[in-house]
Amino acid sequence: MRRFAALFILLWNVVPLKAQDQKIFRDTLDGAFDVSHFLFDLHGFLPIISPITEPAVGYGGSLMNAVFIPKEQVEGERKFKMPDVALFEGGLTENGSWYAGGGYMGFWNNDRLRYRGFAGFGSINLTYYGFSDLLDRDFAIEYNLQSTFIHQEANWRIGQTDLFVGGSYRYLETTVSSQRDPDGLVPAVDREITTSRLGVQVQFDHRDDVFSPTGGYISSVSINYAPERLGSSRNFGQVQWYLHYYQPIGSKWIMGFRTQAN
């Protein structure tokens, strides 16, 4: 479904295909569907439409648009320069829930510095029925969650290795509101929660591709702390580790493993 929608929109926005010596959406080696030539060489964009079928918020849809920004290749350079990517996304459902946001992924200074920045806002309408088996609207509590999210992260490569060290900052503010809360379901202290968090991390990235890896692995260890002095509602810390591993199976399949600990 997602692949068909993306292909339809891409074809609708491209003119004229037959005049190109190289077919825009075909790989030159095996003739398979491939959008890399359109994205990198023709400075294209990749819109993706996705349905939302979550019963808690009703039916809806989301639209994400990724714009690839290629780097200028110097003649004689053998190493491919990763393009920067700008992302924009938004969604809406039938009960009035919506969200919108954007981000940027930068691979700078010949991939010695990697940057990721994201920001967004969402307003989600939900209904709480308690622990009753009967979904009685007379006793249901309708409430709204509004959240603002900001994430900034930068990682520096150590020498010519696959080892990166870096830091991050994350801000999350959530507000809970309801016109009816008879039993004090949400304590006053939890109606407005703010997380303002600093982090440091060490990554080892041995994947063959950042966007769609077919082999290799990436592992990361991070230490994060959200103090009240930085604006958080509560003091807390977190240590996180994860490993993503990719292994080709034959010529058409890729097997992926993921493990994580907090």
Protein backbone atom coordinates (compact mmCIF):
# COMPACT_ATOMS: atom_id res chain seq x y z
CA MET A 1 0.00 0.00 0.00
CA ARG A 2 2.73 2.48 0.98
CA ARG A 3 4.88 1.52 -1.98
CA PHE A 4 1.98 1.93 -4.42
CA ALA A 5 1.03 5.35 -3.00
CA ALA A 6 4.60 6.61 -3.19
CA LEU A 7 4.99 5.37 -6.76
CA PHE A 8 1.70 6.99 -7.85
CA ILE A 9 2.63 10.40 -6.45
CA LEU A 10 6.12 10.27 -7.91
CA LEU A 11 4.79 9.43 -11.37
CA TRP A 12 2.21 12.22 -11.12
CA ASN A 13 4.89 14.83 -10.45
CA VAL A 14 7.50 13.79 -13.02
CA VAL A 15 7.62 14.99 -16.66
CA PRO A 16 8.43 13.74 -19.27
CA LEU A 17 9.67 10.22 -18.59
CA LYS A 18 10.09 8.98 -22.14
CA ALA A 19 12.60 11.71 -22.97
CA GLN A 20 15.12 10.32 -20.49
CA ASP A 21 17.85 8.03 -21.76
CA GLN A 22 17.87 6.34 -18.37
CA LYS A 23 14.55 5.18 -17.02
CA ILE A 24 13.95 7.16 -13.87
CA PHE A 25 12.41 4.40 -11.76
CA ARG A 26 14.40 1.42 -13.06
CA ASP A 27 17.76 0.11 -11.93
CA THR A 28 20.27 0.09 -14.77
CA LEU A 29 21.60 -3.34 -13.77
CA ASP A 30 18.60 -5.55 -13.06
CA GLY A 31 15.67 -3.38 -14.22
CA ALA A 32 14.00 -3.51 -10.80
CA PHE A 33 12.01 -0.64 -9.29
CA ASP A 34 14.52 1.91 -7.92
CA VAL A 35 13.99 5.57 -6.96
CA SER A 36 17.63 6.43 -6.16
CA HIS A 37 18.28 8.04 -9.59
CA PHE A 38 15.21 10.26 -9.17
CA LEU A 39 16.11 11.21 -5.61
CA PHE A 40 19.83 11.87 -5.96
CA ASP A 41 20.53 12.79 -9.59
CA LEU A 42 17.26 14.65 -10.27
CA HIS A 43 17.01 16.21 -6.79
CA GLY A 44 13.65 14.55 -6.22
CA PHE A 45 11.47 14.11 -3.19
CA LEU A 46 9.74 11.04 -1.79
CA PRO A 47 6.20 11.57 -0.44
CA ILE A 48 4.68 8.61 1.42
CA ILE A 49 0.99 8.37 2.30
CA SER A 50 0.09 6.00 5.14
CA PRO A 51 -3.34 5.09 6.53
CA ILE A 52 -4.07 5.40 10.26
CA THR A 53 -6.30 2.60 11.57
CA GLU A 54 -5.89 3.00 15.34
CA PRO A 55 -9.32 2.41 17.02
CA ALA A 56 -8.49 4.81 19.85
CA VAL A 57 -8.33 7.81 17.50
CA GLY A 58 -10.34 6.59 14.50
CA TYR A 59 -9.46 6.30 10.84
CA GLY A 60 -7.18 8.85 9.25
CA GLY A 61 -4.04 9.32 7.24
CA SER A 62 -0.53 10.71 7.38
CA LEU A 63 1.75 12.24 4.78
CA MET A 64 5.54 12.22 5.01
CA ASN A 65 7.77 13.97 2.50
CA ALA A 66 11.51 13.31 2.40
CA VAL A 67 13.67 15.71 0.37
CA PHE A 68 17.15 14.42 -0.47
CA ILE A 69 19.91 17.04 -0.80
CA PRO A 70 22.89 15.53 -2.68
CA LYS A 71 26.48 16.65 -2.09
CA GLU A 72 28.70 17.79 -4.92
CA GLN A 73 31.03 14.98 -5.94
CA VAL A 74 34.60 16.06 -6.74
CA GLU A 75 36.00 14.36 -9.83
CA GLY A 76 38.28 11.51 -8.85
CA GLU A 77 36.66 10.90 -5.46
CA ARG A 78 35.87 7.25 -4.91
CA LYS A 79 33.82 7.54 -1.74
CA PHE A 80 30.13 8.37 -2.15
CA LYS A 81 29.01 11.40 -0.15
CA MET A 82 25.86 10.80 1.85
CA PRO A 83 23.06 13.24 0.98
CA ASP A 84 21.38 15.34 3.63
CA VAL A 85 17.68 14.64 4.19
CA ALA A 86 14.91 17.07 5.16
CA LEU A 87 11.73 15.45 6.51
CA PHE A 88 8.21 16.82 6.89
CA GLU A 89 5.25 14.84 8.25
CA GLY A 90 1.69 15.40 9.39
CA GLY A 91 -1.39 13.35 10.18
CA LEU A 92 -5.10 13.73 10.95
CA THR A 93 -7.81 11.34 12.18
CA GLU A 94 -11.60 11.41 12.26
CA ASN A 95 -11.84 12.22 15.98
CA GLY A 96 -9.84 15.44 15.54
CA SER A 97 -6.44 14.13 16.59
CA TRP A 98 -3.54 15.53 14.58
CA TYR A 99 0.21 15.99 14.56
CA ALA A 100 2.82 17.80 12.48
CA GLY A 101 6.57 17.98 12.53
CA GLY A 102 9.81 18.00 10.63
CA GLY A 103 13.46 17.19 10.87
CA TYR A 104 16.86 17.26 9.24
CA MET A 105 19.61 14.67 8.94
CA GLY A 106 23.00 16.07 7.97
CA PHE A 107 26.19 14.23 7.00
CA TRP A 108 28.83 16.94 7.03
CA ASN A 109 32.58 17.30 6.56
CA ASN A 110 32.88 14.09 4.52
CA ASP A 111 30.69 12.21 7.03
CA ARG A 112 32.91 13.13 9.96
CA LEU A 113 30.01 14.95 11.62
CA ARG A 114 26.48 13.54 11.71
CA TYR A 115 23.58 15.72 12.82
CA ARG A 116 19.95 14.89 13.55
CA GLY A 117 17.32 17.42 14.54
CA PHE A 118 13.56 16.92 14.90
CA ALA A 119 10.66 18.99 16.19
CA GLY A 120 6.92 18.40 16.28
CA PHE A 121 3.58 19.02 17.96
CA GLY A 122 0.62 16.71 18.46
CA SER A 123 -2.91 16.96 19.84
CA ILE A 124 -4.47 13.56 20.60
CA ASN A 125 -8.10 13.05 21.70
CA LEU A 126 -8.74 9.89 23.72
CA THR A 127 -11.51 8.32 25.82
CA TYR A 128 -11.04 6.49 29.13
CA TYR A 129 -13.64 3.87 30.11
CA GLY A 130 -12.12 2.68 33.38
CA PHE A 131 -11.96 -1.03 34.13
CA SER A 132 -15.54 -1.81 33.15
CA ASP A 133 -16.20 -4.39 30.45
CA LEU A 134 -19.10 -2.24 29.24
CA LEU A 135 -18.14 0.71 27.04
CA ASP A 136 -20.70 3.05 28.56
CA ARG A 137 -20.43 6.57 27.16
CA ASP A 138 -22.20 7.98 30.21
CA PHE A 139 -19.25 7.01 32.41
CA ALA A 140 -16.49 7.58 29.88
CA ILE A 141 -13.96 10.38 30.38
CA GLU A 142 -12.82 12.18 27.26
CA TYR A 143 -9.45 13.88 27.52
CA ASN A 144 -6.81 15.51 25.33
CA LEU A 145 -3.04 15.11 25.21
CA GLN A 146 -0.94 17.90 23.72
CA SER A 147 2.79 17.36 23.32
CA THR A 148 5.68 19.43 22.03
CA PHE A 149 8.83 17.52 21.07
CA ILE A 150 12.34 18.75 20.20
CA HIS A 151 15.43 16.58 19.68
CA GLN A 152 18.95 17.70 18.77
CA GLU A 153 21.88 15.33 18.33
CA ALA A 154 25.41 15.46 16.90
CA ASN A 155 28.03 12.70 16.61
CA TRP A 156 31.68 13.06 15.62
CA ARG A 157 33.69 10.33 13.90
CA ILE A 158 36.96 9.30 15.56
CA GLY A 159 39.70 9.34 12.93
CA GLN A 160 38.99 7.04 9.98
CA THR A 161 37.16 4.49 12.13
CA ASP A 162 33.47 3.62 12.45
CA LEU A 163 33.45 4.92 16.04
CA PHE A 164 31.41 8.03 16.87
CA VAL A 165 31.07 10.05 20.08
CA GLY A 166 28.48 12.74 20.60
CA GLY A 167 25.81 14.42 22.64
CA SER A 168 22.09 15.09 22.51
CA TYR A 169 19.35 17.25 23.97
CA ARG A 170 15.67 16.33 24.14
CA TYR A 171 12.69 18.41 25.24
CA LEU A 172 9.20 16.97 25.71
CA GLU A 173 6.27 18.87 27.19
CA THR A 174 2.92 17.11 27.64
CA THR A 175 -0.34 18.64 28.87
CA VAL A 176 -3.40 16.58 29.87
CA SER A 177 -6.80 18.29 29.84
CA SER A 178 -10.36 17.06 30.38
CA GLN A 179 -13.70 18.72 30.93
CA ARG A 180 -14.74 15.96 33.33
CA ASP A 181 -12.56 14.15 35.85
CA PRO A 182 -14.91 13.09 38.68
CA ASP A 183 -12.53 10.85 40.61
CA GLY A 184 -9.34 12.82 40.13
CA LEU A 185 -8.13 10.30 37.57
CA VAL A 186 -5.16 12.47 36.60
CA PRO A 187 -3.42 14.06 39.62
CA ALA A 188 -2.76 17.78 39.29
CA VAL A 189 0.98 17.18 39.42
CA ASP A 190 0.75 14.99 36.30
CA ARG A 191 -1.39 17.30 34.17
CA GLU A 192 1.68 19.12 32.89
CA ILE A 193 4.87 17.10 32.54
CA THR A 194 8.13 18.42 31.13
CA THR A 195 11.26 16.46 30.27
CA SER A 196 14.44 18.40 29.51
CA ARG A 197 17.22 15.89 29.00
CA LEU A 198 20.93 15.97 28.16
CA GLY A 199 22.77 12.91 26.92
CA VAL A 200 26.15 11.61 25.80
CA GLN A 201 26.59 8.57 23.58
CA VAL A 202 29.16 6.32 21.92
CA GLN A 203 28.24 4.60 18.65
CA PHE A 204 29.94 2.05 16.43
CA ASP A 205 28.36 2.12 12.97
CA HIS A 206 29.54 -0.67 10.67
CA ARG A 207 26.50 -0.74 8.35
CA ASP A 208 26.96 -0.72 4.59
CA ASP A 209 24.24 1.94 4.20
CA VAL A 210 22.69 4.41 6.63
CA PHE A 211 19.23 4.55 5.02
CA SER A 212 18.60 0.93 3.95
CA PRO A 213 21.38 -1.35 5.23
CA THR A 214 21.82 -4.80 3.72
CA GLY A 215 24.67 -5.88 5.96
CA GLY A 216 26.68 -4.91 9.02
CA TYR A 217 25.59 -3.59 12.40
CA ILE A 218 25.29 -0.50 14.59
CA SER A 219 25.64 -0.47 18.37
CA SER A 220 25.22 2.45 20.76
CA VAL A 221 25.52 3.18 24.47
CA SER A 222 24.05 6.41 25.86
CA ILE A 223 23.76 8.03 29.28
CA ASN A 224 20.93 10.55 29.70
CA TYR A 225 20.00 12.80 32.61
CA ALA A 226 16.96 15.07 33.04
CA PRO A 227 17.46 17.37 36.06
CA GLU A 228 14.89 19.74 37.48
CA ARG A 229 17.45 22.55 37.13
CA LEU A 230 17.18 22.11 33.36
CA GLY A 231 13.39 22.40 33.42
CA SER A 232 12.27 18.80 33.98
CA SER A 233 9.31 18.07 36.23
CA ARG A 234 11.30 15.34 37.98
CA ASN A 235 14.93 14.31 38.30
CA PHE A 236 15.69 11.04 36.53
CA GLY A 237 18.41 9.37 34.50
CA GLN A 238 18.63 6.56 31.97
CA VAL A 239 21.31 4.30 30.53
CA GLN A 240 20.43 2.79 27.16
CA TRP A 241 22.13 0.26 24.90
CA TYR A 242 20.99 -1.15 21.56
CA LEU A 243 22.30 -3.31 18.74
CA HIS A 244 20.92 -3.58 15.19
CA TYR A 245 22.39 -6.35 13.02
CA TYR A 246 21.71 -7.02 9.32
CA GLN A 247 22.55 -10.21 7.46
CA PRO A 248 21.86 -10.96 3.77
CA ILE A 249 20.10 -14.26 3.03
CA GLY A 250 20.64 -15.17 -0.59
CA SER A 251 20.29 -12.44 -3.18
CA LYS A 252 16.78 -11.16 -2.34
CA TRP A 253 16.34 -11.27 1.43
CA ILE A 254 17.84 -9.36 4.35
CA MET A 255 17.46 -10.59 7.92
CA GLY A 256 17.57 -8.02 10.70
CA PHE A 257 18.03 -8.41 14.47
CA ARG A 258 17.40 -5.81 17.15
CA THR A 259 18.08 -5.91 20.86
CA GLN A 260 17.83 -3.12 23.42
CA ALA A 261 18.27 -2.64 27.15
CA ASN A 262 17.43 0.31 29.41
